[in-house]
């Protein structure tokens, strides 16, 4: 397994839509393992493939280190599609691609997700709470959407210095960035 560098704000791949995964081969399985290792080494709870430079529609998530989610199993989501969103709530989110920035983001409280597993078997399942929020955040990445796309122009203007530091790679992080 390998820890991969994480793409950060300003990297073109983060604004590109991921490609649907058509088959899962050994290379894909290795990518998934590397994504899990990268996410854990970076103290993240979710990671989308384009955050590590791959435009495949793959998400990994592991909330088992979060209080109240200790029994949650590491999860691989391929080709996700939100087919239903219920309720709304605002919650502070961070992002490995936006180091040092935390923003209140409004999202559905509960989602119904259609996705595939590593055998490309289709599943439909409800996710809520933090798990649902993490998956929505990562699906945004697969669609080329960042947290900064979900805030007002005024809020984004207030982040200019921090965003410039990220683009210029002068931000301090405890993980490798691209």
C-alpha atoms as a PDB file:
ATOM      1  CA  UNK A   1       0.000   0.000   0.000  1.00  0.00           C
ATOM      2  CA  UNK A   2       1.064   3.560  -0.630  1.00  0.00           C
ATOM      3  CA  UNK A   3       0.189   6.962   0.744  1.00  0.00           C
ATOM      4  CA  UNK A   4      -0.684   9.176  -2.210  1.00  0.00           C
ATOM      5  CA  UNK A   5      -0.318  12.964  -2.452  1.00  0.00           C
ATOM      6  CA  UNK A   6      -3.611  14.839  -2.106  1.00  0.00           C
ATOM      7  CA  UNK A   7      -4.727  17.356  -4.689  1.00  0.00           C
ATOM      8  CA  UNK A   8      -5.672  20.698  -3.163  1.00  0.00           C
ATOM      9  CA  UNK A   9      -7.620  23.817  -4.073  1.00  0.00           C
ATOM     10  CA  UNK A  10      -6.477  25.166  -7.426  1.00  0.00           C
ATOM     11  CA  UNK A  11      -5.661  21.743  -8.919  1.00  0.00           C
ATOM     12  CA  UNK A  12      -7.678  21.289 -12.135  1.00  0.00           C
ATOM     13  CA  UNK A  13      -8.666  17.684 -11.435  1.00  0.00           C
ATOM     14  CA  UNK A  14     -10.785  18.784  -8.460  1.00  0.00           C
ATOM     15  CA  UNK A  15     -13.095  20.684 -10.830  1.00  0.00           C
ATOM     16  CA  UNK A  16     -13.459  17.779 -13.278  1.00  0.00           C
ATOM     17  CA  UNK A  17     -16.285  15.255 -13.167  1.00  0.00           C
ATOM     18  CA  UNK A  18     -15.217  11.682 -12.420  1.00  0.00           C
ATOM     19  CA  UNK A  19     -15.625   8.915 -14.977  1.00  0.00           C
ATOM     20  CA  UNK A  20     -17.905   5.972 -14.326  1.00  0.00           C
ATOM     21  CA  UNK A  21     -16.036   2.811 -13.342  1.00  0.00           C
ATOM     22  CA  UNK A  22     -16.753   0.073 -15.898  1.00  0.00           C
ATOM     23  CA  UNK A  23     -14.680  -2.732 -14.385  1.00  0.00           C
ATOM     24  CA  UNK A  24     -12.767  -3.375 -11.198  1.00  0.00           C
ATOM     25  CA  UNK A  25      -9.365  -4.907 -11.827  1.00  0.00           C
ATOM     26  CA  UNK A  26      -6.258  -5.354  -9.690  1.00  0.00           C
ATOM     27  CA  UNK A  27      -5.182  -1.769 -10.424  1.00  0.00           C
ATOM     28  CA  UNK A  28      -8.540  -0.469  -9.154  1.00  0.00           C
ATOM     29  CA  UNK A  29      -8.338  -2.607  -6.005  1.00  0.00           C
ATOM     30  CA  UNK A  30      -4.808  -1.289  -5.366  1.00  0.00           C
ATOM     31  CA  UNK A  31      -6.061   2.284  -5.799  1.00  0.00           C
ATOM     32  CA  UNK A  32      -8.803   1.630  -3.238  1.00  0.00           C
ATOM     33  CA  UNK A  33      -6.285   0.263  -0.719  1.00  0.00           C
ATOM     34  CA  UNK A  34      -3.992   3.241  -1.340  1.00  0.00           C
ATOM     35  CA  UNK A  35      -6.940   5.619  -0.894  1.00  0.00           C
ATOM     36  CA  UNK A  36      -7.782   4.071   2.485  1.00  0.00           C
ATOM     37  CA  UNK A  37      -4.161   4.352   3.625  1.00  0.00           C
ATOM     38  CA  UNK A  38      -3.907   7.950   2.363  1.00  0.00           C
ATOM     39  CA  UNK A  39      -7.166   8.931   4.064  1.00  0.00           C
ATOM     40  CA  UNK A  40      -6.152   7.416   7.396  1.00  0.00           C
ATOM     41  CA  UNK A  41      -2.628   8.866   7.325  1.00  0.00           C
ATOM     42  CA  UNK A  42      -4.165  12.296   6.619  1.00  0.00           C
ATOM     43  CA  UNK A  43      -6.697  11.970   9.479  1.00  0.00           C
ATOM     44  CA  UNK A  44      -9.625  12.033   7.060  1.00  0.00           C
ATOM     45  CA  UNK A  45     -12.887  10.105   7.209  1.00  0.00           C
ATOM     46  CA  UNK A  46     -13.640  10.128   3.485  1.00  0.00           C
ATOM     47  CA  UNK A  47     -11.723  10.453   0.226  1.00  0.00           C
ATOM     48  CA  UNK A  48     -12.698  10.667  -3.440  1.00  0.00           C
ATOM     49  CA  UNK A  49     -10.421   9.281  -6.156  1.00  0.00           C
ATOM     50  CA  UNK A  50      -9.940  12.647  -7.855  1.00  0.00           C
ATOM     51  CA  UNK A  51      -8.450  13.965  -4.604  1.00  0.00           C
ATOM     52  CA  UNK A  52      -5.518  11.625  -5.310  1.00  0.00           C
ATOM     53  CA  UNK A  53      -5.360  12.410  -9.009  1.00  0.00           C
ATOM     54  CA  UNK A  54      -7.579   9.665 -10.454  1.00  0.00           C
ATOM     55  CA  UNK A  55     -10.801  10.573 -12.274  1.00  0.00           C
ATOM     56  CA  UNK A  56     -12.608   7.322 -11.394  1.00  0.00           C
ATOM     57  CA  UNK A  57     -15.958   7.493  -9.590  1.00  0.00           C
ATOM     58  CA  UNK A  58     -14.722   5.902  -6.356  1.00  0.00           C
ATOM     59  CA  UNK A  59     -15.141   6.944  -2.723  1.00  0.00           C
ATOM     60  CA  UNK A  60     -13.706   5.398   0.422  1.00  0.00           C
ATOM     61  CA  UNK A  61     -14.978   6.227   3.898  1.00  0.00           C
ATOM     62  CA  UNK A  62     -14.101   5.052   7.386  1.00  0.00           C
ATOM     63  CA  UNK A  63     -15.788   6.661  10.368  1.00  0.00           C
ATOM     64  CA  UNK A  64     -14.755   3.986  12.879  1.00  0.00           C
ATOM     65  CA  UNK A  65     -12.465   6.449  14.718  1.00  0.00           C
ATOM     66  CA  UNK A  66     -15.363   8.892  15.261  1.00  0.00           C
ATOM     67  CA  UNK A  67     -17.284   8.733  18.533  1.00  0.00           C
ATOM     68  CA  UNK A  68     -20.643   7.071  17.970  1.00  0.00           C
ATOM     69  CA  UNK A  69     -19.493   5.407  14.726  1.00  0.00           C
ATOM     70  CA  UNK A  70     -17.017   2.881  16.163  1.00  0.00           C
ATOM     71  CA  UNK A  71     -19.006  -0.046  14.710  1.00  0.00           C
ATOM     72  CA  UNK A  72     -19.051   1.433  11.212  1.00  0.00           C
ATOM     73  CA  UNK A  73     -17.123  -0.655   8.721  1.00  0.00           C
ATOM     74  CA  UNK A  74     -14.760   0.869   6.127  1.00  0.00           C
ATOM     75  CA  UNK A  75     -16.833   1.449   3.025  1.00  0.00           C
ATOM     76  CA  UNK A  76     -16.106   1.555  -0.712  1.00  0.00           C
ATOM     77  CA  UNK A  77     -18.656   3.320  -2.907  1.00  0.00           C
ATOM     78  CA  UNK A  78     -18.359   3.116  -6.696  1.00  0.00           C
ATOM     79  CA  UNK A  79     -20.434   5.131  -9.193  1.00  0.00           C
ATOM     80  CA  UNK A  80     -22.643   6.766  -6.537  1.00  0.00           C
ATOM     81  CA  UNK A  81     -25.872   8.562  -7.351  1.00  0.00           C
ATOM     82  CA  UNK A  82     -28.034  10.309  -4.774  1.00  0.00           C
ATOM     83  CA  UNK A  83     -31.615   9.398  -5.648  1.00  0.00           C
ATOM     84  CA  UNK A  84     -33.356  11.000  -2.677  1.00  0.00           C
ATOM     85  CA  UNK A  85     -32.550  13.655  -0.099  1.00  0.00           C
ATOM     86  CA  UNK A  86     -34.662  14.322   2.988  1.00  0.00           C
ATOM     87  CA  UNK A  87     -34.545  17.192   5.496  1.00  0.00           C
ATOM     88  CA  UNK A  88     -31.808  19.783   5.718  1.00  0.00           C
ATOM     89  CA  UNK A  89     -29.184  20.631   8.284  1.00  0.00           C
ATOM     90  CA  UNK A  90     -26.116  22.804   8.483  1.00  0.00           C
ATOM     91  CA  UNK A  91     -22.871  21.390   9.841  1.00  0.00           C
ATOM     92  CA  UNK A  92     -19.241  22.457   9.868  1.00  0.00           C
ATOM     93  CA  UNK A  93     -17.173  20.532   7.342  1.00  0.00           C
ATOM     94  CA  UNK A  94     -13.486  20.353   6.592  1.00  0.00           C
ATOM     95  CA  UNK A  95     -11.723  18.924   3.570  1.00  0.00           C
ATOM     96  CA  UNK A  96      -8.278  17.461   2.948  1.00  0.00           C
ATOM     97  CA  UNK A  97      -8.221  19.449  -0.321  1.00  0.00           C
ATOM     98  CA  UNK A  98      -8.902  22.679   1.599  1.00  0.00           C
ATOM     99  CA  UNK A  99      -6.476  22.339   4.516  1.00  0.00           C
ATOM    100  CA  UNK A 100      -7.151  24.622   7.452  1.00  0.00           C
ATOM    101  CA  UNK A 101     -10.595  25.683   6.224  1.00  0.00           C
ATOM    102  CA  UNK A 102     -13.838  24.716   7.949  1.00  0.00           C
ATOM    103  CA  UNK A 103     -17.206  25.871   6.625  1.00  0.00           C
ATOM    104  CA  UNK A 104     -20.842  25.463   7.612  1.00  0.00           C
ATOM    105  CA  UNK A 105     -22.534  23.633   4.760  1.00  0.00           C
ATOM    106  CA  UNK A 106     -26.225  22.858   4.388  1.00  0.00           C
ATOM    107  CA  UNK A 107     -27.051  19.369   3.107  1.00  0.00           C
ATOM    108  CA  UNK A 108     -29.890  16.857   3.285  1.00  0.00           C
ATOM    109  CA  UNK A 109     -29.965  15.042   6.647  1.00  0.00           C
ATOM    110  CA  UNK A 110     -30.715  11.705   5.021  1.00  0.00           C
ATOM    111  CA  UNK A 111     -30.007  10.407   1.531  1.00  0.00           C
ATOM    112  CA  UNK A 112     -30.873   7.342  -0.478  1.00  0.00           C
ATOM    113  CA  UNK A 113     -27.862   6.306  -2.487  1.00  0.00           C
ATOM    114  CA  UNK A 114     -27.581   4.031  -5.495  1.00  0.00           C
ATOM    115  CA  UNK A 115     -24.033   2.734  -5.863  1.00  0.00           C
ATOM    116  CA  UNK A 116     -21.901  -0.251  -6.735  1.00  0.00           C
ATOM    117  CA  UNK A 117     -19.482  -2.264  -4.616  1.00  0.00           C
ATOM    118  CA  UNK A 118     -16.128  -3.673  -5.753  1.00  0.00           C
ATOM    119  CA  UNK A 119     -17.953  -6.532  -7.517  1.00  0.00           C
ATOM    120  CA  UNK A 120     -19.997  -3.850  -9.354  1.00  0.00           C
ATOM    121  CA  UNK A 121     -23.173  -5.123  -7.709  1.00  0.00           C
ATOM    122  CA  UNK A 122     -25.749  -2.340  -7.485  1.00  0.00           C
ATOM    123  CA  UNK A 123     -27.050  -1.361  -4.049  1.00  0.00           C
ATOM    124  CA  UNK A 124     -29.592   1.159  -2.825  1.00  0.00           C
ATOM    125  CA  UNK A 125     -29.199   2.213   0.781  1.00  0.00           C
ATOM    126  CA  UNK A 126     -30.108   5.071   3.109  1.00  0.00           C
ATOM    127  CA  UNK A 127     -27.361   7.016   4.876  1.00  0.00           C
ATOM    128  CA  UNK A 128     -27.881   9.704   7.498  1.00  0.00           C
ATOM    129  CA  UNK A 129     -26.046  11.695  10.120  1.00  0.00           C
ATOM    130  CA  UNK A 130     -22.315  12.136   9.736  1.00  0.00           C
ATOM    131  CA  UNK A 131     -22.000   9.122   7.423  1.00  0.00           C
ATOM    132  CA  UNK A 132     -24.558  10.582   5.001  1.00  0.00           C
ATOM    133  CA  UNK A 133     -22.831  13.965   5.146  1.00  0.00           C
ATOM    134  CA  UNK A 134     -19.385  12.473   4.450  1.00  0.00           C
ATOM    135  CA  UNK A 135     -20.734  10.604   1.426  1.00  0.00           C
ATOM    136  CA  UNK A 136     -22.440  13.740   0.074  1.00  0.00           C
ATOM    137  CA  UNK A 137     -19.188  15.676   0.509  1.00  0.00           C
ATOM    138  CA  UNK A 138     -17.234  13.027  -1.409  1.00  0.00           C
ATOM    139  CA  UNK A 139     -19.899  12.772  -4.132  1.00  0.00           C
ATOM    140  CA  UNK A 140     -19.516  16.527  -4.569  1.00  0.00           C
ATOM    141  CA  UNK A 141     -15.809  15.883  -5.253  1.00  0.00           C
ATOM    142  CA  UNK A 142     -16.702  13.309  -7.913  1.00  0.00           C
ATOM    143  CA  UNK A 143     -18.896  15.964  -9.528  1.00  0.00           C
ATOM    144  CA  UNK A 144     -16.158  18.611  -9.435  1.00  0.00           C
ATOM    145  CA  UNK A 145     -17.790  20.541  -6.581  1.00  0.00           C
ATOM    146  CA  UNK A 146     -15.787  21.891  -3.622  1.00  0.00           C
ATOM    147  CA  UNK A 147     -16.994  23.337  -0.323  1.00  0.00           C
ATOM    148  CA  UNK A 148     -16.090  26.770  -1.683  1.00  0.00           C
ATOM    149  CA  UNK A 149     -18.721  26.265  -4.410  1.00  0.00           C
ATOM    150  CA  UNK A 150     -21.387  25.891  -1.712  1.00  0.00           C
ATOM    151  CA  UNK A 151     -20.819  29.212   0.058  1.00  0.00           C
ATOM    152  CA  UNK A 152     -21.676  32.805  -0.801  1.00  0.00           C
ATOM    153  CA  UNK A 153     -19.342  35.063  -2.767  1.00  0.00           C
ATOM    154  CA  UNK A 154     -18.881  37.146   0.380  1.00  0.00           C
ATOM    155  CA  UNK A 155     -17.822  34.107   2.432  1.00  0.00           C
ATOM    156  CA  UNK A 156     -15.450  33.037  -0.354  1.00  0.00           C
ATOM    157  CA  UNK A 157     -13.982  36.554  -0.531  1.00  0.00           C
ATOM    158  CA  UNK A 158     -13.183  36.302   3.193  1.00  0.00           C
ATOM    159  CA  UNK A 159     -11.197  33.121   2.439  1.00  0.00           C
ATOM    160  CA  UNK A 160      -9.034  34.661  -0.309  1.00  0.00           C
ATOM    161  CA  UNK A 161      -5.829  34.703   1.738  1.00  0.00           C
ATOM    162  CA  UNK A 162      -6.270  31.114   2.927  1.00  0.00           C
ATOM    163  CA  UNK A 163      -7.156  29.917  -0.580  1.00  0.00           C
ATOM    164  CA  UNK A 164      -4.113  31.693  -2.050  1.00  0.00           C
ATOM    165  CA  UNK A 165      -1.915  30.018   0.573  1.00  0.00           C
ATOM    166  CA  UNK A 166      -3.292  26.642  -0.508  1.00  0.00           C
ATOM    167  CA  UNK A 167      -2.775  27.374  -4.219  1.00  0.00           C
ATOM    168  CA  UNK A 168       0.782  28.589  -3.500  1.00  0.00           C
ATOM    169  CA  UNK A 169       1.476  25.562  -1.259  1.00  0.00           C
ATOM    170  CA  UNK A 170       2.386  27.782   1.714  1.00  0.00           C
ATOM    171  CA  UNK A 171      -0.221  26.187   3.961  1.00  0.00           C
ATOM    172  CA  UNK A 172       0.977  23.804   6.680  1.00  0.00           C
ATOM    173  CA  UNK A 173      -0.348  20.248   6.447  1.00  0.00           C
ATOM    174  CA  UNK A 174       0.609  16.930   8.046  1.00  0.00           C
ATOM    175  CA  UNK A 175       0.248  15.038   4.770  1.00  0.00           C
ATOM    176  CA  UNK A 176       1.761  15.189   1.302  1.00  0.00           C
ATOM    177  CA  UNK A 177      -0.014  17.444  -1.193  1.00  0.00           C
ATOM    178  CA  UNK A 178       0.366  17.325  -4.953  1.00  0.00           C
END
